[in-house]
């Protein structure tokens, strides 16, 4: 662990919850490609 949560999430998430991590990344990429606000993101509404 680096002590920086923003970095650690990219190290640990793929190991502990790989399917949820893939879902998050796919949803985030879709959101970014559509220029959607983070508050309207699919993952936030689950």
PDB file of N, CA and C in Angstrom:
ATOM      1  N   UNK A   1       0.829  -1.175   0.000  1.00  0.00           N
ATOM      2  CA  UNK A   1       0.000   0.000   0.000  1.00  0.00           C
ATOM      3  C   UNK A   1       0.875   1.240   0.000  1.00  0.00           C
ATOM      4  N   UNK A   2       0.463   2.204  -0.785  1.00  0.00           N
ATOM      5  CA  UNK A   2       1.272   3.408  -0.934  1.00  0.00           C
ATOM      6  C   UNK A   2       0.927   4.498   0.073  1.00  0.00           C
ATOM      7  N   UNK A   3      -0.256   4.399   0.695  1.00  0.00           N
ATOM      8  CA  UNK A   3      -0.704   5.468   1.569  1.00  0.00           C
ATOM      9  C   UNK A   3      -1.525   6.497   0.819  1.00  0.00           C
ATOM     10  N   UNK A   4      -1.637   6.301  -0.483  1.00  0.00           N
ATOM     11  CA  UNK A   4      -2.452   7.194  -1.319  1.00  0.00           C
ATOM     12  C   UNK A   4      -3.616   6.385  -1.872  1.00  0.00           C
ATOM     13  N   UNK A   5      -4.806   6.656  -1.388  1.00  0.00           N
ATOM     14  CA  UNK A   5      -5.982   5.903  -1.796  1.00  0.00           C
ATOM     15  C   UNK A   5      -6.252   5.941  -3.284  1.00  0.00           C
ATOM     16  N   UNK A   6      -5.971   7.081  -3.912  1.00  0.00           N
ATOM     17  CA  UNK A   6      -6.239   7.190  -5.344  1.00  0.00           C
ATOM     18  C   UNK A   6      -5.368   6.239  -6.155  1.00  0.00           C
ATOM     19  N   UNK A   7      -4.185   5.952  -5.682  1.00  0.00           N
ATOM     20  CA  UNK A   7      -3.294   5.007  -6.357  1.00  0.00           C
ATOM     21  C   UNK A   7      -3.613   3.573  -5.942  1.00  0.00           C
ATOM     22  N   UNK A   8      -3.851   3.368  -4.662  1.00  0.00           N
ATOM     23  CA  UNK A   8      -4.083   2.023  -4.138  1.00  0.00           C
ATOM     24  C   UNK A   8      -5.304   1.344  -4.746  1.00  0.00           C
ATOM     25  N   UNK A   9      -6.330   2.109  -5.072  1.00  0.00           N
ATOM     26  CA  UNK A   9      -7.530   1.501  -5.644  1.00  0.00           C
ATOM     27  C   UNK A   9      -7.222   0.819  -6.984  1.00  0.00           C
ATOM     28  N   UNK A  10      -6.288   1.369  -7.728  1.00  0.00           N
ATOM     29  CA  UNK A  10      -5.923   0.769  -9.007  1.00  0.00           C
ATOM     30  C   UNK A  10      -5.066  -0.478  -8.824  1.00  0.00           C
ATOM     31  N   UNK A  11      -4.441  -0.616  -7.673  1.00  0.00           N
ATOM     32  CA  UNK A  11      -3.628  -1.792  -7.376  1.00  0.00           C
ATOM     33  C   UNK A  11      -4.486  -2.911  -6.793  1.00  0.00           C
ATOM     34  N   UNK A  12      -5.387  -2.577  -5.881  1.00  0.00           N
ATOM     35  CA  UNK A  12      -6.128  -3.602  -5.151  1.00  0.00           C
ATOM     36  C   UNK A  12      -7.442  -4.032  -5.794  1.00  0.00           C
ATOM     37  N   UNK A  13      -8.162  -3.134  -6.407  1.00  0.00           N
ATOM     38  CA  UNK A  13      -9.478  -3.484  -6.959  1.00  0.00           C
ATOM     39  C   UNK A  13      -9.448  -4.624  -7.970  1.00  0.00           C
ATOM     40  N   UNK A  14      -8.522  -4.637  -8.914  1.00  0.00           N
ATOM     41  CA  UNK A  14      -8.507  -5.743  -9.870  1.00  0.00           C
ATOM     42  C   UNK A  14      -8.227  -7.104  -9.215  1.00  0.00           C
ATOM     43  N   UNK A  15      -7.607  -7.097  -8.060  1.00  0.00           N
ATOM     44  CA  UNK A  15      -7.274  -8.346  -7.368  1.00  0.00           C
ATOM     45  C   UNK A  15      -8.454  -8.848  -6.545  1.00  0.00           C
ATOM     46  N   UNK A  16      -9.078  -7.964  -5.776  1.00  0.00           N
ATOM     47  CA  UNK A  16     -10.110  -8.381  -4.841  1.00  0.00           C
ATOM     48  C   UNK A  16     -11.511  -8.462  -5.446  1.00  0.00           C
ATOM     49  N   UNK A  17     -11.799  -7.632  -6.426  1.00  0.00           N
ATOM     50  CA  UNK A  17     -13.130  -7.636  -7.039  1.00  0.00           C
ATOM     51  C   UNK A  17     -12.998  -7.423  -8.541  1.00  0.00           C
ATOM     52  N   UNK A  18     -12.406  -8.369  -9.259  1.00  0.00           N
ATOM     53  CA  UNK A  18     -12.108  -8.158 -10.678  1.00  0.00           C
ATOM     54  C   UNK A  18     -13.339  -7.892 -11.546  1.00  0.00           C
ATOM     55  N   UNK A  19     -14.434  -8.575 -11.302  1.00  0.00           N
ATOM     56  CA  UNK A  19     -15.624  -8.362 -12.144  1.00  0.00           C
ATOM     57  C   UNK A  19     -16.238  -6.984 -11.900  1.00  0.00           C
ATOM     58  N   UNK A  20     -16.325  -6.580 -10.650  1.00  0.00           N
ATOM     59  CA  UNK A  20     -16.859  -5.246 -10.334  1.00  0.00           C
ATOM     60  C   UNK A  20     -15.936  -4.160 -10.878  1.00  0.00           C
ATOM     61  N   UNK A  21     -14.636  -4.419 -10.842  1.00  0.00           N
ATOM     62  CA  UNK A  21     -13.660  -3.455 -11.364  1.00  0.00           C
ATOM     63  C   UNK A  21     -13.858  -3.279 -12.862  1.00  0.00           C
ATOM     64  N   UNK A  22     -14.050  -4.394 -13.574  1.00  0.00           N
ATOM     65  CA  UNK A  22     -14.289  -4.327 -15.020  1.00  0.00           C
ATOM     66  C   UNK A  22     -15.580  -3.571 -15.321  1.00  0.00           C
ATOM     67  N   UNK A  23     -16.620  -3.817 -14.525  1.00  0.00           N
ATOM     68  CA  UNK A  23     -17.893  -3.100 -14.711  1.00  0.00           C
ATOM     69  C   UNK A  23     -17.694  -1.605 -14.503  1.00  0.00           C
ATOM     70  N   UNK A  24     -16.968  -1.252 -13.458  1.00  0.00           N
ATOM     71  CA  UNK A  24     -16.708   0.157 -13.180  1.00  0.00           C
ATOM     72  C   UNK A  24     -15.951   0.816 -14.331  1.00  0.00           C
ATOM     73  N   UNK A  25     -14.878   0.154 -14.793  1.00  0.00           N
ATOM     74  CA  UNK A  25     -14.070   0.739 -15.864  1.00  0.00           C
ATOM     75  C   UNK A  25     -14.873   0.892 -17.149  1.00  0.00           C
ATOM     76  N   UNK A  26     -15.695  -0.100 -17.477  1.00  0.00           N
ATOM     77  CA  UNK A  26     -16.528  -0.020 -18.688  1.00  0.00           C
ATOM     78  C   UNK A  26     -17.526   1.135 -18.574  1.00  0.00           C
ATOM     79  N   UNK A  27     -18.155   1.261 -17.406  1.00  0.00           N
ATOM     80  CA  UNK A  27     -19.119   2.345 -17.196  1.00  0.00           C
ATOM     81  C   UNK A  27     -18.433   3.704 -17.232  1.00  0.00           C
ATOM     82  N   UNK A  28     -17.239   3.779 -16.663  1.00  0.00           N
ATOM     83  CA  UNK A  28     -16.501   5.056 -16.644  1.00  0.00           C
ATOM     84  C   UNK A  28     -16.070   5.450 -18.055  1.00  0.00           C
ATOM     85  N   UNK A  29     -15.613   4.494 -18.816  1.00  0.00           N
ATOM     86  CA  UNK A  29     -15.229   4.779 -20.207  1.00  0.00           C
ATOM     87  C   UNK A  29     -16.437   5.246 -21.015  1.00  0.00           C
ATOM     88  N   UNK A  30     -17.568   4.592 -20.834  1.00  0.00           N
ATOM     89  CA  UNK A  30     -18.799   4.998 -21.518  1.00  0.00           C
ATOM     90  C   UNK A  30     -19.177   6.424 -21.126  1.00  0.00           C
ATOM     91  N   UNK A  31     -19.090   6.715 -19.813  1.00  0.00           N
ATOM     92  CA  UNK A  31     -19.429   8.053 -19.328  1.00  0.00           C
ATOM     93  C   UNK A  31     -18.518   9.109 -19.930  1.00  0.00           C
ATOM     94  N   UNK A  32     -17.232   8.827 -19.962  1.00  0.00           N
ATOM     95  CA  UNK A  32     -16.276   9.784 -20.515  1.00  0.00           C
ATOM     96  C   UNK A  32     -16.490   9.994 -22.011  1.00  0.00           C
ATOM     97  N   UNK A  33     -16.741   8.922 -22.741  1.00  0.00           N
ATOM     98  CA  UNK A  33     -16.972   9.024 -24.184  1.00  0.00           C
ATOM     99  C   UNK A  33     -18.241   9.803 -24.513  1.00  0.00           C
ATOM    100  N   UNK A  34     -19.215   9.755 -23.596  1.00  0.00           N
ATOM    101  CA  UNK A  34     -20.478  10.467 -23.808  1.00  0.00           C
ATOM    102  C   UNK A  34     -20.500  11.848 -23.159  1.00  0.00           C
ATOM    103  N   UNK A  35     -19.363  12.251 -22.570  1.00  0.00           N
ATOM    104  CA  UNK A  35     -19.260  13.542 -21.881  1.00  0.00           C
ATOM    105  C   UNK A  35     -20.346  13.722 -20.830  1.00  0.00           C
ATOM    106  N   UNK A  36     -20.624  12.645 -20.082  1.00  0.00           N
ATOM    107  CA  UNK A  36     -21.640  12.689 -19.040  1.00  0.00           C
ATOM    108  C   UNK A  36     -21.024  13.112 -17.705  1.00  0.00           C
ATOM    109  N   UNK A  37     -21.826  13.791 -16.914  1.00  0.00           N
ATOM    110  CA  UNK A  37     -21.407  14.196 -15.580  1.00  0.00           C
ATOM    111  C   UNK A  37     -21.285  12.960 -14.689  1.00  0.00           C
ATOM    112  N   UNK A  38     -20.334  12.946 -13.790  1.00  0.00           N
ATOM    113  CA  UNK A  38     -20.114  11.809 -12.896  1.00  0.00           C
ATOM    114  C   UNK A  38     -21.346  11.496 -12.055  1.00  0.00           C
ATOM    115  N   UNK A  39     -22.135  12.498 -11.737  1.00  0.00           N
ATOM    116  CA  UNK A  39     -23.327  12.285 -10.918  1.00  0.00           C
ATOM    117  C   UNK A  39     -24.439  11.578 -11.676  1.00  0.00           C
ATOM    118  N   UNK A  40     -24.327  11.500 -12.998  1.00  0.00           N
ATOM    119  CA  UNK A  40     -25.307  10.796 -13.807  1.00  0.00           C
ATOM    120  C   UNK A  40     -24.793   9.418 -14.240  1.00  0.00           C
ATOM    121  N   UNK A  41     -23.647   9.027 -13.750  1.00  0.00           N
ATOM    122  CA  UNK A  41     -23.026   7.774 -14.167  1.00  0.00           C
ATOM    123  C   UNK A  41     -23.868   6.572 -13.751  1.00  0.00           C
ATOM    124  N   UNK A  42     -23.878   5.554 -14.609  1.00  0.00           N
ATOM    125  CA  UNK A  42     -24.614   4.323 -14.333  1.00  0.00           C
ATOM    126  C   UNK A  42     -24.235   3.723 -12.989  1.00  0.00           C
ATOM    127  N   UNK A  43     -22.960   3.637 -12.733  1.00  0.00           N
ATOM    128  CA  UNK A  43     -22.452   2.983 -11.537  1.00  0.00           C
ATOM    129  C   UNK A  43     -22.926   3.720 -10.271  1.00  0.00           C
ATOM    130  N   UNK A  44     -23.129   5.023 -10.357  1.00  0.00           N
ATOM    131  CA  UNK A  44     -23.564   5.812  -9.216  1.00  0.00           C
ATOM    132  C   UNK A  44     -25.030   5.570  -8.894  1.00  0.00           C
ATOM    133  N   UNK A  45     -25.793   5.129  -9.875  1.00  0.00           N
ATOM    134  CA  UNK A  45     -27.233   4.955  -9.689  1.00  0.00           C
ATOM    135  C   UNK A  45     -27.625   3.545  -9.306  1.00  0.00           C
ATOM    136  N   UNK A  46     -26.657   2.689  -9.004  1.00  0.00           N
ATOM    137  CA  UNK A  46     -26.990   1.296  -8.625  1.00  0.00           C
ATOM    138  C   UNK A  46     -27.168   1.173  -7.146  1.00  0.00           C
TER     139      UNK A  46
END
